[in-house]
Structures are given as structure tokens and as C-alpha cells.
PDB file of N, CA and C in Angstrom:
ATOM      1  N   MET A   1       0.846  -1.175   0.000  1.00  0.00           N
ATOM      2  CA  MET A   1       0.000   0.000   0.000  1.00  0.00           C
ATOM      3  C   MET A   1       0.892   1.238   0.000  1.00  0.00           C
ATOM      4  N   GLY A   2       0.587   2.212  -0.814  1.00  0.00           N
ATOM      5  CA  GLY A   2       1.373   3.431  -0.909  1.00  0.00           C
ATOM      6  C   GLY A   2       0.921   4.481   0.070  1.00  0.00           C
ATOM      7  N   SER A   3       1.595   5.587   0.033  1.00  0.00           N
ATOM      8  CA  SER A   3       1.207   6.686   0.912  1.00  0.00           C
ATOM      9  C   SER A   3       1.031   7.948   0.071  1.00  0.00           C
ATOM     10  N   VAL A   4       0.216   8.841   0.596  1.00  0.00           N
ATOM     11  CA  VAL A   4      -0.056  10.107  -0.068  1.00  0.00           C
ATOM     12  C   VAL A   4       0.435  11.212   0.849  1.00  0.00           C
ATOM     13  N   GLY A   5       1.219  12.122   0.323  1.00  0.00           N
ATOM     14  CA  GLY A   5       1.738  13.206   1.132  1.00  0.00           C
ATOM     15  C   GLY A   5       1.049  14.522   0.834  1.00  0.00           C
ATOM     16  N   ARG A   6       0.887  15.311   1.841  1.00  0.00           N
ATOM     17  CA  ARG A   6       0.348  16.658   1.710  1.00  0.00           C
ATOM     18  C   ARG A   6       1.150  17.559   2.653  1.00  0.00           C
ATOM     19  N   SER A   7       1.309  18.793   2.275  1.00  0.00           N
ATOM     20  CA  SER A   7       1.965  19.761   3.151  1.00  0.00           C
ATOM     21  C   SER A   7       0.917  20.624   3.824  1.00  0.00           C
ATOM     22  N   ILE A   8       1.078  20.795   5.117  1.00  0.00           N
ATOM     23  CA  ILE A   8       0.202  21.712   5.855  1.00  0.00           C
ATOM     24  C   ILE A   8       1.055  22.532   6.802  1.00  0.00           C
ATOM     25  N   ASP A   9       0.587  23.717   7.096  1.00  0.00           N
ATOM     26  CA  ASP A   9       1.265  24.598   8.038  1.00  0.00           C
ATOM     27  C   ASP A   9       0.589  24.432   9.390  1.00  0.00           C
ATOM     28  N   VAL A  10       1.196  23.629  10.273  1.00  0.00           N
ATOM     29  CA  VAL A  10       0.553  23.374  11.566  1.00  0.00           C
ATOM     30  C   VAL A  10       0.405  24.641  12.398  1.00  0.00           C
ATOM     31  N   ALA A  11       1.262  25.618  12.165  1.00  0.00           N
ATOM     32  CA  ALA A  11       1.187  26.869  12.919  1.00  0.00           C
ATOM     33  C   ALA A  11      -0.060  27.677  12.565  1.00  0.00           C
ATOM     34  N   SER A  12      -0.715  27.338  11.457  1.00  0.00           N
ATOM     35  CA  SER A  12      -1.924  28.074  11.075  1.00  0.00           C
ATOM     36  C   SER A  12      -3.156  27.608  11.857  1.00  0.00           C
ATOM     37  N   PHE A  13      -3.022  26.551  12.622  1.00  0.00           N
ATOM     38  CA  PHE A  13      -4.121  26.047  13.441  1.00  0.00           C
ATOM     39  C   PHE A  13      -3.956  26.522  14.878  1.00  0.00           C
ATOM     40  N   LYS A  14      -5.070  26.624  15.595  1.00  0.00           N
ATOM     41  CA  LYS A  14      -5.041  27.113  16.978  1.00  0.00           C
ATOM     42  C   LYS A  14      -4.807  26.013  18.001  1.00  0.00           C
ATOM     43  N   ASN A  15      -5.154  24.760  17.632  1.00  0.00           N
ATOM     44  CA  ASN A  15      -5.064  23.662  18.588  1.00  0.00           C
ATOM     45  C   ASN A  15      -5.136  22.321  17.859  1.00  0.00           C
ATOM     46  N   TYR A  16      -5.021  21.261  18.635  1.00  0.00           N
ATOM     47  CA  TYR A  16      -5.071  19.918  18.061  1.00  0.00           C
ATOM     48  C   TYR A  16      -6.409  19.620  17.391  1.00  0.00           C
ATOM     49  N   GLU A  17      -7.499  20.078  17.990  1.00  0.00           N
ATOM     50  CA  GLU A  17      -8.825  19.788  17.442  1.00  0.00           C
ATOM     51  C   GLU A  17      -8.955  20.319  16.017  1.00  0.00           C
ATOM     52  N   GLU A  18      -8.498  21.553  15.788  1.00  0.00           N
ATOM     53  CA  GLU A  18      -8.556  22.139  14.440  1.00  0.00           C
ATOM     54  C   GLU A  18      -7.678  21.354  13.466  1.00  0.00           C
ATOM     55  N   LEU A  19      -6.481  21.015  13.894  1.00  0.00           N
ATOM     56  CA  LEU A  19      -5.556  20.266  13.042  1.00  0.00           C
ATOM     57  C   LEU A  19      -6.139  18.908  12.679  1.00  0.00           C
ATOM     58  N   ILE A  20      -6.622  18.173  13.658  1.00  0.00           N
ATOM     59  CA  ILE A  20      -7.168  16.840  13.418  1.00  0.00           C
ATOM     60  C   ILE A  20      -8.370  16.910  12.488  1.00  0.00           C
ATOM     61  N   SER A  21      -9.229  17.888  12.713  1.00  0.00           N
ATOM     62  CA  SER A  21     -10.409  18.057  11.859  1.00  0.00           C
ATOM     63  C   SER A  21      -9.997  18.312  10.410  1.00  0.00           C
ATOM     64  N   ALA A  22      -8.988  19.163  10.199  1.00  0.00           N
ATOM     65  CA  ALA A  22      -8.514  19.466   8.855  1.00  0.00           C
ATOM     66  C   ALA A  22      -7.917  18.225   8.190  1.00  0.00           C
ATOM     67  N   ILE A  23      -7.155  17.438   8.939  1.00  0.00           N
ATOM     68  CA  ILE A  23      -6.563  16.222   8.382  1.00  0.00           C
ATOM     69  C   ILE A  23      -7.650  15.206   8.046  1.00  0.00           C
ATOM     70  N   GLU A  24      -8.646  15.077   8.914  1.00  0.00           N
ATOM     71  CA  GLU A  24      -9.762  14.173   8.636  1.00  0.00           C
ATOM     72  C   GLU A  24     -10.452  14.549   7.318  1.00  0.00           C
ATOM     73  N   CYS A  25     -10.719  15.843   7.136  1.00  0.00           N
ATOM     74  CA  CYS A  25     -11.371  16.311   5.898  1.00  0.00           C
ATOM     75  C   CYS A  25     -10.483  16.089   4.684  1.00  0.00           C
ATOM     76  N   MET A  26      -9.191  16.355   4.840  1.00  0.00           N
ATOM     77  CA  MET A  26      -8.236  16.243   3.750  1.00  0.00           C
ATOM     78  C   MET A  26      -8.164  14.824   3.187  1.00  0.00           C
ATOM     79  N   PHE A  27      -8.313  13.839   4.072  1.00  0.00           N
ATOM     80  CA  PHE A  27      -8.149  12.445   3.662  1.00  0.00           C
ATOM     81  C   PHE A  27      -9.444  11.630   3.729  1.00  0.00           C
ATOM     82  N   GLY A  28     -10.584  12.300   3.915  1.00  0.00           N
ATOM     83  CA  GLY A  28     -11.866  11.598   3.940  1.00  0.00           C
ATOM     84  C   GLY A  28     -12.042  10.674   5.127  1.00  0.00           C
ATOM     85  N   LEU A  29     -11.502  11.059   6.257  1.00  0.00           N
ATOM     86  CA  LEU A  29     -11.569  10.232   7.463  1.00  0.00           C
ATOM     87  C   LEU A  29     -12.393  10.903   8.569  1.00  0.00           C
ATOM     88  N   GLU A  30     -13.399  11.672   8.178  1.00  0.00           N
ATOM     89  CA  GLU A  30     -14.191  12.425   9.140  1.00  0.00           C
ATOM     90  C   GLU A  30     -14.672  11.546  10.287  1.00  0.00           C
ATOM     91  N   GLY A  31     -14.338  11.974  11.511  1.00  0.00           N
ATOM     92  CA  GLY A  31     -14.776  11.287  12.711  1.00  0.00           C
ATOM     93  C   GLY A  31     -13.931  10.098  13.130  1.00  0.00           C
ATOM     94  N   LEU A  32     -12.958   9.704  12.325  1.00  0.00           N
ATOM     95  CA  LEU A  32     -12.166   8.512  12.652  1.00  0.00           C
ATOM     96  C   LEU A  32     -10.907   8.805  13.464  1.00  0.00           C
ATOM     97  N   LEU A  33     -10.330   9.984  13.306  1.00  0.00           N
ATOM     98  CA  LEU A  33      -9.067  10.276  13.977  1.00  0.00           C
ATOM     99  C   LEU A  33      -9.255  10.803  15.397  1.00  0.00           C
ATOM    100  N   ASN A  34     -10.433  11.272  15.698  1.00  0.00           N
ATOM    101  CA  ASN A  34     -10.719  11.805  17.024  1.00  0.00           C
ATOM    102  C   ASN A  34     -11.846  11.010  17.668  1.00  0.00           C
ATOM    103  N   ASP A  35     -11.947   9.738  17.297  1.00  0.00           N
ATOM    104  CA  ASP A  35     -13.028   8.869  17.732  1.00  0.00           C
ATOM    105  C   ASP A  35     -12.755   8.325  19.127  1.00  0.00           C
ATOM    106  N   GLN A  36     -13.561   8.744  20.082  1.00  0.00           N
ATOM    107  CA  GLN A  36     -13.398   8.295  21.462  1.00  0.00           C
ATOM    108  C   GLN A  36     -13.819   6.833  21.643  1.00  0.00           C
ATOM    109  N   LYS A  37     -14.610   6.306  20.700  1.00  0.00           N
ATOM    110  CA  LYS A  37     -15.074   4.917  20.797  1.00  0.00           C
ATOM    111  C   LYS A  37     -14.027   3.934  20.277  1.00  0.00           C
ATOM    112  N   GLY A  38     -12.948   4.447  19.748  1.00  0.00           N
ATOM    113  CA  GLY A  38     -11.850   3.581  19.350  1.00  0.00           C
ATOM    114  C   GLY A  38     -11.927   2.998  17.955  1.00  0.00           C
ATOM    115  N   SER A  39     -11.868   3.853  16.938  1.00  0.00           N
ATOM    116  CA  SER A  39     -11.881   3.375  15.552  1.00  0.00           C
ATOM    117  C   SER A  39     -10.584   2.639  15.226  1.00  0.00           C
ATOM    118  N   GLY A  40      -9.535   2.924  15.991  1.00  0.00           N
ATOM    119  CA  GLY A  40      -8.246   2.280  15.744  1.00  0.00           C
ATOM    120  C   GLY A  40      -7.277   3.120  14.950  1.00  0.00           C
ATOM    121  N   TRP A  41      -7.761   4.162  14.271  1.00  0.00           N
ATOM    122  CA  TRP A  41      -6.885   5.056  13.511  1.00  0.00           C
ATOM    123  C   TRP A  41      -6.144   5.963  14.484  1.00  0.00           C
ATOM    124  N   LYS A  42      -4.860   6.221  14.219  1.00  0.00           N
ATOM    125  CA  LYS A  42      -4.051   7.089  15.083  1.00  0.00           C
ATOM    126  C   LYS A  42      -3.234   8.058  14.240  1.00  0.00           C
ATOM    127  N   LEU A  43      -2.997   9.226  14.812  1.00  0.00           N
ATOM    128  CA  LEU A  43      -2.081  10.195  14.220  1.00  0.00           C
ATOM    129  C   LEU A  43      -0.793  10.176  15.027  1.00  0.00           C
ATOM    130  N   VAL A  44       0.312  10.021  14.341  1.00  0.00           N
ATOM    131  CA  VAL A  44       1.618  10.110  14.995  1.00  0.00           C
ATOM    132  C   VAL A  44       2.436  11.167  14.264  1.00  0.00           C
ATOM    133  N   TYR A  45       3.462  11.640  14.935  1.00  0.00           N
ATOM    134  CA  TYR A  45       4.349  12.593  14.272  1.00  0.00           C
ATOM    135  C   TYR A  45       5.790  12.259  14.578  1.00  0.00           C
ATOM    136  N   VAL A  46       6.646  12.727  13.696  1.00  0.00           N
ATOM    137  CA  VAL A  46       8.085  12.588  13.855  1.00  0.00           C
ATOM    138  C   VAL A  46       8.628  13.963  14.191  1.00  0.00           C
ATOM    139  N   ASP A  47       9.421  14.038  15.262  1.00  0.00           N
ATOM    140  CA  ASP A  47       9.999  15.322  15.633  1.00  0.00           C
ATOM    141  C   ASP A  47      11.402  15.452  15.036  1.00  0.00           C
ATOM    142  N   TYR A  48      12.088  16.530  15.373  1.00  0.00           N
ATOM    143  CA  TYR A  48      13.408  16.786  14.786  1.00  0.00           C
ATOM    144  C   TYR A  48      14.497  15.872  15.335  1.00  0.00           C
ATOM    145  N   GLU A  49      14.171  15.075  16.354  1.00  0.00           N
ATOM    146  CA  GLU A  49      15.121  14.075  16.860  1.00  0.00           C
ATOM    147  C   GLU A  49      14.788  12.688  16.316  1.00  0.00           C
ATOM    148  N   ASN A  50      13.848  12.639  15.354  1.00  0.00           N
ATOM    149  CA  ASN A  50      13.373  11.397  14.734  1.00  0.00           C
ATOM    150  C   ASN A  50      12.639  10.481  15.705  1.00  0.00           C
ATOM    151  N   ASP A  51      12.088  11.040  16.783  1.00  0.00           N
ATOM    152  CA  ASP A  51      11.239  10.274  17.681  1.00  0.00           C
ATOM    153  C   ASP A  51       9.832  10.250  17.103  1.00  0.00           C
ATOM    154  N   VAL A  52       9.144   9.131  17.242  1.00  0.00           N
ATOM    155  CA  VAL A  52       7.763   9.003  16.792  1.00  0.00           C
ATOM    156  C   VAL A  52       6.865   9.090  18.022  1.00  0.00           C
ATOM    157  N   LEU A  53       5.943  10.052  18.002  1.00  0.00           N
ATOM    158  CA  LEU A  53       5.072  10.324  19.151  1.00  0.00           C
ATOM    159  C   LEU A  53       3.631  10.438  18.698  1.00  0.00           C
ATOM    160  N   LEU A  54       2.707  10.238  19.626  1.00  0.00           N
ATOM    161  CA  LEU A  54       1.293  10.416  19.315  1.00  0.00           C
ATOM    162  C   LEU A  54       0.942  11.894  19.248  1.00  0.00           C
ATOM    163  N   VAL A  55       0.202  12.270  18.228  1.00  0.00           N
ATOM    164  CA  VAL A  55      -0.288  13.641  18.123  1.00  0.00           C
ATOM    165  C   VAL A  55      -1.223  13.884  19.304  1.00  0.00           C
ATOM    166  N   GLY A  56      -0.984  14.951  20.033  1.00  0.00           N
ATOM    167  CA  GLY A  56      -1.812  15.293  21.184  1.00  0.00           C
ATOM    168  C   GLY A  56      -1.140  15.036  22.516  1.00  0.00           C
ATOM    169  N   ASP A  57      -0.014  14.330  22.507  1.00  0.00           N
ATOM    170  CA  ASP A  57       0.666  14.017  23.770  1.00  0.00           C
ATOM    171  C   ASP A  57       1.435  15.196  24.357  1.00  0.00           C
ATOM    172  N   ASP A  58       1.874  16.113  23.517  1.00  0.00           N
ATOM    173  CA  ASP A  58       2.658  17.261  23.987  1.00  0.00           C
ATOM    174  C   ASP A  58       1.802  18.521  23.970  1.00  0.00           C
ATOM    175  N   PRO A  59       2.167  19.517  24.774  1.00  0.00           N
ATOM    176  CA  PRO A  59       1.457  20.798  24.688  1.00  0.00           C
ATOM    177  C   PRO A  59       1.515  21.327  23.252  1.00  0.00           C
ATOM    178  N   TRP A  60       0.453  21.987  22.825  1.00  0.00           N
ATOM    179  CA  TRP A  60       0.317  22.438  21.440  1.00  0.00           C
ATOM    180  C   TRP A  60       1.527  23.226  20.949  1.00  0.00           C
ATOM    181  N   LYS A  61       1.957  24.224  21.703  1.00  0.00           N
ATOM    182  CA  LYS A  61       3.067  25.075  21.235  1.00  0.00           C
ATOM    183  C   LYS A  61       4.361  24.283  21.087  1.00  0.00           C
ATOM    184  N   GLU A  62       4.582  23.336  21.977  1.00  0.00           N
ATOM    185  CA  GLU A  62       5.774  22.486  21.880  1.00  0.00           C
ATOM    186  C   GLU A  62       5.696  21.623  20.617  1.00  0.00           C
ATOM    187  N   PHE A  63       4.520  21.076  20.353  1.00  0.00           N
ATOM    188  CA  PHE A  63       4.291  20.275  19.159  1.00  0.00           C
ATOM    189  C   PHE A  63       4.571  21.083  17.898  1.00  0.00           C
ATOM    190  N   VAL A  64       4.010  22.273  17.817  1.00  0.00           N
ATOM    191  CA  VAL A  64       4.185  23.132  16.631  1.00  0.00           C
ATOM    192  C   VAL A  64       5.663  23.424  16.401  1.00  0.00           C
ATOM    193  N   GLY A  65       6.429  23.561  17.474  1.00  0.00           N
ATOM    194  CA  GLY A  65       7.846  23.878  17.349  1.00  0.00           C
ATOM    195  C   GLY A  65       8.740  22.715  16.976  1.00  0.00           C
ATOM    196  N   CYS A  66       8.239  21.487  17.101  1.00  0.00           N
ATOM    197  CA  CYS A  66       9.138  20.356  16.863  1.00  0.00           C
ATOM    198  C   CYS A  66       8.648  19.350  15.832  1.00  0.00           C
ATOM    199  N   VAL A  67       7.410  19.491  15.345  1.00  0.00           N
ATOM    200  CA  VAL A  67       6.881  18.503  14.399  1.00  0.00           C
ATOM    201  C   VAL A  67       7.566  18.617  13.043  1.00  0.00           C
ATOM    202  N   ARG A  68       7.960  17.477  12.499  1.00  0.00           N
ATOM    203  CA  ARG A  68       8.577  17.450  11.179  1.00  0.00           C
ATOM    204  C   ARG A  68       7.666  16.766  10.167  1.00  0.00           C
ATOM    205  N   CYS A  69       6.921  15.778  10.625  1.00  0.00           N
ATOM    206  CA  CYS A  69       6.089  14.983   9.733  1.00  0.00           C
ATOM    207  C   CYS A  69       4.945  14.380  10.545  1.00  0.00           C
ATOM    208  N   ILE A  70       3.744  14.338   9.969  1.00  0.00           N
ATOM    209  CA  ILE A  70       2.595  13.703  10.612  1.00  0.00           C
ATOM    210  C   ILE A  70       2.198  12.516   9.750  1.00  0.00           C
ATOM    211  N   ARG A  71       1.863  11.422  10.387  1.00  0.00           N
ATOM    212  CA  ARG A  71       1.472  10.217   9.661  1.00  0.00           C
ATOM    213  C   ARG A  71       0.175   9.668  10.238  1.00  0.00           C
ATOM    214  N   ILE A  72      -0.709   9.233   9.363  1.00  0.00           N
ATOM    215  CA  ILE A  72      -1.954   8.586   9.768  1.00  0.00           C
ATOM    216  C   ILE A  72      -1.696   7.084   9.756  1.00  0.00           C
ATOM    217  N   LEU A  73      -1.941   6.445  10.900  1.00  0.00           N
ATOM    218  CA  LEU A  73      -1.771   5.002  10.975  1.00  0.00           C
ATOM    219  C   LEU A  73      -3.135   4.323  10.955  1.00  0.00           C
ATOM    220  N   SER A  74      -3.278   3.333  10.084  1.00  0.00           N
ATOM    221  CA  SER A  74      -4.504   2.545  10.030  1.00  0.00           C
ATOM    222  C   SER A  74      -4.530   1.612  11.242  1.00  0.00           C
ATOM    223  N   PRO A  75      -5.688   1.043  11.548  1.00  0.00           N
ATOM    224  CA  PRO A  75      -5.742   0.103  12.675  1.00  0.00           C
ATOM    225  C   PRO A  75      -4.723  -1.037  12.553  1.00  0.00           C
ATOM    226  N   SER A  76      -4.495  -1.551  11.342  1.00  0.00           N
ATOM    227  CA  SER A  76      -3.523  -2.644  11.186  1.00  0.00           C
ATOM    228  C   SER A  76      -2.092  -2.157  11.426  1.00  0.00           C
ATOM    229  N   GLU A  77      -1.787  -0.925  11.021  1.00  0.00           N
ATOM    230  CA  GLU A  77      -0.449  -0.371  11.279  1.00  0.00           C
ATOM    231  C   GLU A  77      -0.241  -0.121  12.767  1.00  0.00           C
ATOM    232  N   VAL A  78      -1.294   0.308  13.465  1.00  0.00           N
ATOM    233  CA  VAL A  78      -1.215   0.509  14.915  1.00  0.00           C
ATOM    234  C   VAL A  78      -0.931  -0.830  15.588  1.00  0.00           C
ATOM    235  N   GLN A  79      -1.632  -1.871  15.172  1.00  0.00           N
ATOM    236  CA  GLN A  79      -1.429  -3.212  15.727  1.00  0.00           C
ATOM    237  C   GLN A  79      -0.002  -3.685  15.486  1.00  0.00           C
ATOM    238  N   GLN A  80       0.485  -3.477  14.264  1.00  0.00           N
ATOM    239  CA  GLN A  80       1.844  -3.896  13.925  1.00  0.00           C
ATOM    240  C   GLN A  80       2.871  -3.154  14.774  1.00  0.00           C
ATOM    241  N   MET A  81       2.681  -1.853  14.937  1.00  0.00           N
ATOM    242  CA  MET A  81       3.613  -1.075  15.756  1.00  0.00           C
ATOM    243  C   MET A  81       3.575  -1.549  17.203  1.00  0.00           C
ATOM    244  N   SER A  82       2.391  -1.893  17.697  1.00  0.00           N
ATOM    245  CA  SER A  82       2.257  -2.382  19.071  1.00  0.00           C
ATOM    246  C   SER A  82       3.026  -3.687  19.241  1.00  0.00           C
ATOM    247  N   GLU A  83       2.875  -4.587  18.292  1.00  0.00           N
ATOM    248  CA  GLU A  83       3.572  -5.876  18.365  1.00  0.00           C
ATOM    249  C   GLU A  83       5.082  -5.685  18.278  1.00  0.00           C
ATOM    250  N   GLU A  84       5.534  -4.820  17.352  1.00  0.00           N
ATOM    251  CA  GLU A  84       6.971  -4.576  17.208  1.00  0.00           C
ATOM    252  C   GLU A  84       7.527  -3.888  18.448  1.00  0.00           C
ATOM    253  N   GLY A  85       6.734  -2.985  19.018  1.00  0.00           N
ATOM    254  CA  GLY A  85       7.159  -2.304  20.239  1.00  0.00           C
ATOM    255  C   GLY A  85       7.311  -3.270  21.394  1.00  0.00           C
ATOM    256  N   MET A  86       6.379  -4.196  21.515  1.00  0.00           N
ATOM    257  CA  MET A  86       6.468  -5.199  22.573  1.00  0.00           C
ATOM    258  C   MET A  86       7.675  -6.100  22.363  1.00  0.00           C
ATOM    259  N   GLN A  87       7.943  -6.475  21.114  1.00  0.00           N
ATOM    260  CA  GLN A  87       9.121  -7.296  20.829  1.00  0.00           C
ATOM    261  C   GLN A  87      10.392  -6.546  21.204  1.00  0.00           C
ATOM    262  N   LEU A  88      10.428  -5.262  20.874  1.00  0.00           N
ATOM    263  CA  LEU A  88      11.593  -4.444  21.210  1.00  0.00           C
ATOM    264  C   LEU A  88      11.751  -4.335  22.715  1.00  0.00           C
ATOM    265  N   LEU A  89      10.646  -4.068  23.415  1.00  0.00           N
ATOM    266  CA  LEU A  89      10.707  -3.983  24.875  1.00  0.00           C
ATOM    267  C   LEU A  89      11.173  -5.295  25.479  1.00  0.00           C
ATOM    268  N   ASN A  90      10.635  -6.397  24.975  1.00  0.00           N
ATOM    269  CA  ASN A  90      11.025  -7.707  25.506  1.00  0.00           C
ATOM    270  C   ASN A  90      12.484  -8.002  25.239  1.00  0.00           C
ATOM    271  N   SER A  91      12.980  -7.682  24.043  1.00  0.00           N
ATOM    272  CA  SER A  91      14.383  -7.954  23.739  1.00  0.00           C
ATOM    273  C   SER A  91      15.295  -7.041  24.544  1.00  0.00           C
ATOM    274  N   THR A  92      14.877  -5.795  24.772  1.00  0.00           N
ATOM    275  CA  THR A  92      15.668  -4.867  25.579  1.00  0.00           C
ATOM    276  C   THR A  92      15.706  -5.335  27.022  1.00  0.00           C
ATOM    277  N   ALA A  93      14.578  -5.819  27.535  1.00  0.00           N
ATOM    278  CA  ALA A  93      14.529  -6.310  28.909  1.00  0.00           C
ATOM    279  C   ALA A  93      15.434  -7.522  29.072  1.00  0.00           C
ATOM    280  N   VAL A  94      15.417  -8.424  28.086  1.00  0.00           N
ATOM    281  CA  VAL A  94      16.273  -9.609  28.147  1.00  0.00           C
ATOM    282  C   VAL A  94      17.732  -9.191  28.079  1.00  0.00           C
ATOM    283  N   ASP A  95      18.063  -8.256  27.189  1.00  0.00           N
ATOM    284  CA  ASP A  95      19.442  -7.757  27.100  1.00  0.00           C
ATOM    285  C   ASP A  95      19.870  -7.136  28.418  1.00  0.00           C
ATOM    286  N   GLY A  96      18.976  -6.370  29.038  1.00  0.00           N
ATOM    287  CA  GLY A  96      19.297  -5.728  30.319  1.00  0.00           C
ATOM    288  C   GLY A  96      19.523  -6.753  31.401  1.00  0.00           C
ATOM    289  N   ILE A  97      18.718  -7.815  31.419  1.00  0.00           N
ATOM    290  CA  ILE A  97      18.889  -8.886  32.406  1.00  0.00           C
ATOM    291  C   ILE A  97      20.205  -9.612  32.154  1.00  0.00           C
ATOM    292  N   ASN A  98      20.490  -9.907  30.877  1.00  0.00           N
ATOM    293  CA  ASN A  98      21.746 -10.593  30.551  1.00  0.00           C
ATOM    294  C   ASN A  98      22.951  -9.751  30.940  1.00  0.00           C
ATOM    295  N   ASP A  99      22.881  -8.436  30.706  1.00  0.00           N
ATOM    296  CA  ASP A  99      23.972  -7.557  31.083  1.00  0.00           C
ATOM    297  C   ASP A  99      24.159  -7.564  32.604  1.00  0.00           C
ATOM    298  N   SER A 100      23.051  -7.565  33.343  1.00  0.00           N
ATOM    299  CA  SER A 100      23.117  -7.575  34.801  1.00  0.00           C
ATOM    300  C   SER A 100      23.744  -8.868  35.307  1.00  0.00           C
ATOM    301  N   LEU A 101      23.397  -9.978  34.667  1.00  0.00           N
ATOM    302  CA  LEU A 101      23.919 -11.273  35.092  1.00  0.00           C
ATOM    303  C   LEU A 101      25.411 -11.410  34.820  1.00  0.00           C
ATOM    304  N   ARG A 102      25.908 -10.729  33.797  1.00  0.00           N
ATOM    305  CA  ARG A 102      27.327 -10.814  33.442  1.00  0.00           C
ATOM    306  C   ARG A 102      28.205 -10.067  34.424  1.00  0.00           C
ATOM    307  N   ARG A 103      27.651  -9.159  35.172  1.00  0.00           N
ATOM    308  CA  ARG A 103      28.467  -8.314  36.072  1.00  0.00           C
ATOM    309  C   ARG A 103      28.840  -9.027  37.326  1.00  0.00           C
TER     310      ARG A 103
END
């Protein structure tokens, strides 16, 4: 599956609600990105340190100052990231335990 890119000026919005609403309209996802009932769709962003974070986790002004890219994740991509994250956490925990045992 491919991706479609669009440029937006996040500083032109007043808050997350306006930004999310505009992105929903832009991609025909009205009501899915801000769905409290759990549609499974998520917005993430990449900051200037290449960290991937959930849109809405940081104060608005901090977000506007550090966002480099916003990505819409489908429910299947969210699931995949969750599984990969758990694998990473588990492997890091095992590495940490092994390092502790070697000392």
C-alpha cells in the first residue's frame, strides 16, 4: 500500500482539534481520527530528533515547534507497531537482564 503526502502549516491552526479536523477532511476520514469509541486510527508525528510520538501528547506550542512529519496510521499499522514495540521492549529487557547477570 502506498502513501499520499500533503503539506500543511501546523502553525496556522489554533489547537489539536482544528488540526485533526482538517486532516480528517483532507483524507476523507471524518470522525475517525478523534473517535473516542476507538476506531483504531491514530495520528503520529516525527519530531526533529526522529522520535515518533502520538499527536496530542505534547502541549500544542511544543508540538508546533518540533513537528517534522505527521502520519496517519490505520488500525492494522497501529497493531503492527504495538507488536513490534512489545518485541523491542522484551528484547531490551532480556538484554538488560543478561547484562546484569554478566556483572
